[in-house]
């Protein structure tokens, strides 16, 4: 189907349908759900999102949407963030978005994808459920000066597999001078870093720390001293839908010694890896899985610096191609 014909595509958001369940019992929507027939804004289809508790990959309980917000980040511009109330009809600008829900001390543990093309209303709006779970807030160390050009970047470092399906990462960005009472993050392991918008470099990093439900935790940010650190982000050429083939082996080789990551966070689309204590100098990064490989790349690791590398995992080359067709003997 051409994209122009698509009004809304919810890739990993669960679209909601209600009808007759097994045994003849009526599977009715909660009373606070909007009538799908009202999902029309200016003759264009609208979207409504509801927070839910998931079990075995499906909604097990819906929450009253009051106090919850749905957040949309354009897939190609993670620096932007659109926010709409849950349980109301909305229309974002046509684009592809990472989507999560936050509110009332809860937050999505991973993101879903929404492609919205602003299609013509055809009698029904689109409703979807987004999972939420326990969450806490992350703040900066009190002795850190919050400069306007510094951005706090956060990555939930938990396991991104649910009910056998691989999920997309939950990451957030917030200017350091706009942290306020803290940035809400899912409960569990988290990694934080400071990014300098002027120099385009990371300036401080944390080891994994635990975000505790309902509590405020200080990100233990430190600048590297004497050693080199590395943050690597590899995009898969094809999204991993399930746990099979999900893991990726990675290493940084220096003077013939291969060092595996101190932390690795594989997700359905991106694999993150961090090294906290590397000797400075010339290095080479390599990575591979059962179906993908990274062409080895050179890194220049500076003492007291955090090197950032962004690459792409491509399919393994055909090592035994079929012979070309030839005519006659």
Protein backbone atom coordinates (compact mmCIF):
# COMPACT_ATOMS: atom_id res chain seq x y z
CA UNK A 1 0.00 0.00 0.00
CA UNK A 2 1.52 3.38 -0.93
CA UNK A 3 2.21 5.66 2.01
CA UNK A 4 -0.15 8.31 0.67
CA UNK A 5 -3.03 5.85 1.16
CA UNK A 6 -2.16 5.19 4.78
CA UNK A 7 -3.83 7.39 7.39
CA UNK A 8 -2.34 5.90 10.54
CA UNK A 9 -0.04 2.92 10.95
CA UNK A 10 0.64 1.74 14.50
CA UNK A 11 3.63 -0.55 14.09
CA UNK A 12 4.21 -1.71 17.64
CA UNK A 13 1.37 0.06 19.38
CA UNK A 14 -1.45 -2.38 20.07
CA UNK A 15 -4.60 -1.23 18.31
CA UNK A 16 -7.65 -1.86 20.44
CA UNK A 17 -10.70 -3.79 19.34
CA UNK A 18 -13.61 -4.96 21.46
CA UNK A 19 -16.31 -7.47 20.65
CA UNK A 20 -17.44 -10.93 21.67
CA UNK A 21 -14.83 -12.92 23.57
CA UNK A 22 -14.54 -16.71 23.77
CA UNK A 23 -17.54 -18.31 25.44
CA UNK A 24 -19.91 -15.63 24.15
CA UNK A 25 -19.03 -13.04 26.80
CA UNK A 26 -18.95 -9.40 25.71
CA UNK A 27 -15.48 -7.84 25.80
CA UNK A 28 -16.46 -4.20 26.38
CA UNK A 29 -14.16 -1.17 26.48
CA UNK A 30 -13.78 0.74 29.76
CA UNK A 31 -16.37 3.46 30.32
CA UNK A 32 -13.77 6.22 29.96
CA UNK A 33 -12.88 5.17 26.41
CA UNK A 34 -13.81 7.65 23.69
CA UNK A 35 -16.34 6.67 21.04
CA UNK A 36 -14.24 5.77 17.95
CA UNK A 37 -16.85 7.51 15.78
CA UNK A 38 -15.79 10.82 17.38
CA UNK A 39 -12.16 10.47 16.29
CA UNK A 40 -12.49 13.12 13.59
CA UNK A 41 -10.64 16.45 13.55
CA UNK A 42 -11.16 18.60 10.44
CA UNK A 43 -12.22 15.49 8.47
CA UNK A 44 -8.89 13.79 9.26
CA UNK A 45 -8.46 10.67 11.35
CA UNK A 46 -7.36 11.29 14.94
CA UNK A 47 -5.52 9.13 17.47
CA UNK A 48 -6.26 8.44 21.16
CA UNK A 49 -3.81 6.63 23.45
CA UNK A 50 -4.55 4.93 26.78
CA UNK A 51 -2.08 3.79 29.47
CA UNK A 52 -2.25 0.11 30.33
CA UNK A 53 -0.57 -2.58 32.40
CA UNK A 54 0.65 -5.34 30.13
CA UNK A 55 0.92 -9.08 30.80
CA UNK A 56 2.24 -11.60 28.27
CA UNK A 57 2.46 -8.87 25.66
CA UNK A 58 -1.18 -7.75 25.95
CA UNK A 59 -3.11 -5.16 28.01
CA UNK A 60 -4.26 -6.69 31.29
CA UNK A 61 -5.59 -3.49 32.88
CA UNK A 62 -6.38 0.01 31.60
CA UNK A 63 -5.72 3.11 33.71
CA UNK A 64 -7.99 6.13 33.83
CA UNK A 65 -6.09 8.50 31.52
CA UNK A 66 -6.37 11.60 33.76
CA UNK A 67 -2.85 12.75 34.60
CA UNK A 68 -1.18 10.71 31.85
CA UNK A 69 0.48 12.20 28.76
CA UNK A 70 1.59 10.60 25.51
CA UNK A 71 5.01 11.70 24.26
CA UNK A 72 5.99 11.61 20.58
CA UNK A 73 9.56 12.01 19.35
CA UNK A 74 10.17 12.19 15.58
CA UNK A 75 12.17 9.14 14.52
CA UNK A 76 14.66 11.34 12.64
CA UNK A 77 14.90 14.12 15.24
CA UNK A 78 15.16 12.87 18.84
CA UNK A 79 15.75 16.42 20.08
CA UNK A 80 12.06 17.25 19.56
CA UNK A 81 9.24 16.01 21.77
CA UNK A 82 5.49 16.51 21.30
CA UNK A 83 3.16 15.98 24.27
CA UNK A 84 -0.61 15.32 24.24
CA UNK A 85 -3.02 14.30 27.01
CA UNK A 86 -3.93 10.62 27.07
CA UNK A 87 -7.57 9.76 26.50
CA UNK A 88 -8.20 12.65 24.09
CA UNK A 89 -8.12 12.82 20.30
CA UNK A 90 -5.01 14.38 18.81
CA UNK A 91 -3.32 14.80 15.44
CA UNK A 92 0.45 15.21 15.30
CA UNK A 93 2.12 16.53 12.14
CA UNK A 94 2.53 13.69 9.61
CA UNK A 95 5.73 11.82 10.50
CA UNK A 96 7.15 8.66 12.08
CA UNK A 97 7.33 8.84 15.88
CA UNK A 98 8.70 6.97 18.86
CA UNK A 99 5.87 6.92 21.41
CA UNK A 100 5.73 6.48 25.18
CA UNK A 101 3.37 7.39 28.01
CA UNK A 102 4.15 8.98 31.39
CA UNK A 103 2.12 10.21 34.35
CA UNK A 104 1.02 9.54 37.92
CA UNK A 105 4.44 8.13 38.78
CA UNK A 106 4.32 5.58 35.94
CA UNK A 107 6.09 5.41 32.58
CA UNK A 108 6.50 3.15 29.56
CA UNK A 109 9.49 0.78 29.89
CA UNK A 110 10.08 0.89 26.11
CA UNK A 111 8.90 2.90 23.10
CA UNK A 112 6.48 2.01 20.32
CA UNK A 113 6.33 3.32 16.77
CA UNK A 114 3.60 5.41 15.18
CA UNK A 115 3.47 6.51 11.55
CA UNK A 116 0.88 9.23 11.07
CA UNK A 117 0.11 10.45 7.55
CA UNK A 118 -3.02 12.49 8.33
CA UNK A 119 -5.43 10.34 6.37
CA UNK A 120 -9.07 11.20 5.62
CA UNK A 121 -11.52 10.22 8.39
CA UNK A 122 -13.45 7.09 7.40
CA UNK A 123 -15.86 6.70 10.29
CA UNK A 124 -13.53 5.68 13.11
CA UNK A 125 -10.62 7.19 14.97
CA UNK A 126 -7.74 5.03 16.09
CA UNK A 127 -7.24 4.01 19.72
CA UNK A 128 -4.16 2.26 21.06
CA UNK A 129 -2.80 0.99 24.37
CA UNK A 130 0.72 1.84 25.54
CA UNK A 131 2.27 -0.05 28.47
CA UNK A 132 3.34 1.74 31.66
CA UNK A 133 5.16 0.55 34.75
CA UNK A 134 6.87 1.88 37.84
CA UNK A 135 9.13 4.91 37.45
CA UNK A 136 11.31 7.37 39.36
CA UNK A 137 13.06 10.66 38.70
CA UNK A 138 16.69 11.41 37.82
CA UNK A 139 18.42 14.66 38.81
CA UNK A 140 21.91 16.09 38.30
CA UNK A 141 24.55 16.12 41.06
CA UNK A 142 24.10 19.28 43.19
CA UNK A 143 27.67 20.45 42.49
CA UNK A 144 27.26 20.28 38.72
CA UNK A 145 26.79 23.64 37.03
CA UNK A 146 23.81 23.38 34.65
CA UNK A 147 24.92 25.18 31.49
CA UNK A 148 22.41 25.96 28.72
CA UNK A 149 24.43 24.14 26.03
CA UNK A 150 24.67 20.89 28.07
CA UNK A 151 22.01 18.20 27.58
CA UNK A 152 21.34 15.29 29.94
CA UNK A 153 20.84 12.09 27.95
CA UNK A 154 19.29 9.06 29.63
CA UNK A 155 18.93 5.45 28.47
CA UNK A 156 16.90 2.80 30.26
CA UNK A 157 19.40 -0.07 30.38
CA UNK A 158 16.97 -2.88 31.19
CA UNK A 159 16.12 -5.93 29.10
CA UNK A 160 14.18 -5.02 25.96
CA UNK A 161 12.42 -8.34 25.44
CA UNK A 162 8.79 -8.83 26.46
CA UNK A 163 6.75 -11.98 25.84
CA UNK A 164 9.44 -13.14 23.40
CA UNK A 165 9.29 -9.92 21.34
CA UNK A 166 12.16 -7.44 21.02
CA UNK A 167 11.25 -3.83 21.91
CA UNK A 168 12.60 -0.39 21.05
CA UNK A 169 14.74 1.62 23.45
CA UNK A 170 13.47 4.17 25.95
CA UNK A 171 15.81 7.17 25.92
CA UNK A 172 15.27 10.78 26.90
CA UNK A 173 16.99 14.14 26.48
CA UNK A 174 16.61 17.22 28.61
CA UNK A 175 18.68 20.47 28.72
CA UNK A 176 20.69 20.48 31.94
CA UNK A 177 19.23 23.83 32.99
CA UNK A 178 15.67 22.44 32.64
CA UNK A 179 15.87 19.36 34.87
CA UNK A 180 13.66 20.86 37.58
CA UNK A 181 12.32 18.15 39.91
CA UNK A 182 13.93 15.47 37.75
CA UNK A 183 13.42 13.53 34.54
CA UNK A 184 10.99 10.63 34.82
CA UNK A 185 12.53 7.27 33.83
CA UNK A 186 11.39 3.64 34.15
CA UNK A 187 12.41 1.87 37.34
CA UNK A 188 15.51 -0.25 36.85
CA UNK A 189 19.04 0.17 35.49
CA UNK A 190 19.76 3.47 33.74
CA UNK A 191 22.76 5.14 32.11
CA UNK A 192 23.19 8.91 31.96
CA UNK A 193 25.59 11.12 30.02
CA UNK A 194 26.16 14.83 29.46
CA UNK A 195 26.25 16.02 25.86
CA UNK A 196 27.77 19.36 24.82
CA UNK A 197 25.68 20.84 22.00
CA UNK A 198 28.46 23.29 21.05
CA UNK A 199 31.28 20.77 20.66
CA UNK A 200 29.17 17.75 19.69
CA UNK A 201 30.87 15.57 22.33
CA UNK A 202 30.03 13.74 25.52
CA UNK A 203 31.65 15.28 28.59
CA UNK A 204 30.55 13.00 31.46
CA UNK A 205 29.14 9.51 31.87
CA UNK A 206 27.72 7.21 34.54
CA UNK A 207 28.04 3.55 35.24
CA UNK A 208 24.60 1.86 35.34
CA UNK A 209 22.58 3.02 38.35
CA UNK A 210 19.14 2.02 39.58
CA UNK A 211 16.11 4.26 39.23
CA UNK A 212 13.80 3.43 42.14
CA UNK A 213 10.02 3.56 41.90
CA UNK A 214 8.61 6.79 43.31
CA UNK A 215 12.02 8.13 44.35
CA UNK A 216 14.49 10.76 43.16
CA UNK A 217 17.99 9.50 42.34
CA UNK A 218 21.11 11.52 41.55
CA UNK A 219 22.86 10.49 38.33
CA UNK A 220 26.45 9.62 39.39
CA UNK A 221 28.08 11.50 36.51
CA UNK A 222 31.87 11.50 36.27
CA UNK A 223 34.35 12.82 33.75
CA UNK A 224 37.02 10.33 32.61
CA UNK A 225 40.47 10.85 34.12
CA UNK A 226 43.53 9.39 32.43
CA UNK A 227 41.59 6.67 30.61
CA UNK A 228 39.49 6.67 27.46
CA UNK A 229 35.80 5.83 27.38
CA UNK A 230 33.59 4.92 24.43
CA UNK A 231 29.87 5.05 23.67
CA UNK A 232 28.90 2.98 20.63
CA UNK A 233 25.53 2.94 18.90
CA UNK A 234 24.92 0.41 16.12
CA UNK A 235 21.75 0.41 14.05
CA UNK A 236 20.51 -2.92 12.73
CA UNK A 237 19.82 -3.00 8.99
CA UNK A 238 16.64 -4.92 9.88
CA UNK A 239 14.64 -4.69 13.08
CA UNK A 240 14.84 -7.71 15.38
CA UNK A 241 11.24 -8.76 15.94
CA UNK A 242 11.97 -11.59 18.36
CA UNK A 243 14.66 -12.67 20.81
CA UNK A 244 16.19 -15.09 18.28
CA UNK A 245 19.33 -13.50 16.81
CA UNK A 246 18.81 -10.51 19.09
CA UNK A 247 22.27 -10.42 20.68
CA UNK A 248 25.32 -8.87 19.02
CA UNK A 249 28.96 -9.65 19.90
CA UNK A 250 31.16 -6.54 20.07
CA UNK A 251 34.75 -5.71 20.92
CA UNK A 252 37.30 -2.90 20.81
CA UNK A 253 40.82 -4.10 19.95
CA UNK A 254 43.86 -2.18 21.17
CA UNK A 255 47.42 -3.47 20.64
CA UNK A 256 46.05 -6.86 19.66
CA UNK A 257 43.90 -7.21 22.80
CA UNK A 258 40.13 -7.41 22.28
CA UNK A 259 38.01 -5.86 25.02
CA UNK A 260 34.29 -6.60 25.25
CA UNK A 261 31.88 -3.86 26.43
CA UNK A 262 31.45 -3.11 30.12
CA UNK A 263 27.76 -2.59 29.33
CA UNK A 264 25.71 -3.71 26.32
CA UNK A 265 22.05 -2.84 25.77
CA UNK A 266 20.56 -4.55 22.70
CA UNK A 267 17.15 -3.34 21.52
CA UNK A 268 15.04 -4.25 18.51
CA UNK A 269 16.57 -1.56 16.27
CA UNK A 270 19.72 -0.26 17.99
CA UNK A 271 22.49 -1.90 20.02
CA UNK A 272 24.24 0.29 22.61
CA UNK A 273 27.63 -0.51 24.13
CA UNK A 274 29.85 1.31 26.63
CA UNK A 275 33.50 0.95 27.62
CA UNK A 276 34.58 2.78 30.78
CA UNK A 277 38.33 2.17 31.04
CA UNK A 278 40.24 1.86 27.78
CA UNK A 279 43.90 2.73 27.20
CA UNK A 280 44.26 5.79 24.94
CA UNK A 281 45.45 5.32 21.38
CA UNK A 282 44.48 3.74 18.07
CA UNK A 283 41.76 1.09 18.28
CA UNK A 284 39.44 -0.93 16.08
CA UNK A 285 35.82 -1.76 16.75
CA UNK A 286 34.13 -4.89 15.41
CA UNK A 287 30.68 -6.40 15.88
CA UNK A 288 28.66 -9.31 14.55
CA UNK A 289 25.57 -11.41 15.09
CA UNK A 290 24.23 -14.52 13.39
CA UNK A 291 22.80 -12.38 10.58
CA UNK A 292 24.65 -9.03 10.64
CA UNK A 293 28.18 -7.69 10.75
CA UNK A 294 29.92 -4.34 11.16
CA UNK A 295 32.80 -3.59 8.85
CA UNK A 296 35.68 -3.02 11.33
CA UNK A 297 36.23 0.67 11.97
CA UNK A 298 39.14 2.64 13.38
CA UNK A 299 38.76 4.65 16.59
CA UNK A 300 41.08 7.28 18.03
CA UNK A 301 40.73 7.08 21.81
CA UNK A 302 41.88 10.16 23.69
CA UNK A 303 42.90 10.21 27.35
CA UNK A 304 40.21 11.84 29.45
CA UNK A 305 37.78 11.81 26.53
CA UNK A 306 34.54 9.97 25.70
CA UNK A 307 34.60 8.76 22.11
CA UNK A 308 31.26 8.40 20.33
CA UNK A 309 30.82 6.00 17.42
CA UNK A 310 27.64 5.49 15.39
CA UNK A 311 27.59 2.66 12.85
CA UNK A 312 25.33 0.27 11.01
CA UNK A 313 25.12 -3.51 11.09
CA UNK A 314 24.75 -4.89 7.57
CA UNK A 315 23.83 -8.39 6.33
CA UNK A 316 26.70 -10.84 6.13
CA UNK A 317 28.15 -10.85 2.59
CA UNK A 318 27.46 -13.94 0.49
CA UNK A 319 30.70 -15.88 0.91
CA UNK A 320 29.72 -18.61 -1.56
CA UNK A 321 27.71 -16.95 -4.35
CA UNK A 322 26.00 -18.92 -7.07
CA UNK A 323 28.17 -19.18 -10.24
CA UNK A 324 27.23 -16.87 -13.11
CA UNK A 325 25.22 -18.45 -15.92
CA UNK A 326 27.30 -19.41 -19.01
CA UNK A 327 26.13 -20.48 -22.43
CA UNK A 328 27.27 -23.82 -23.93
CA UNK A 329 30.33 -25.98 -23.17
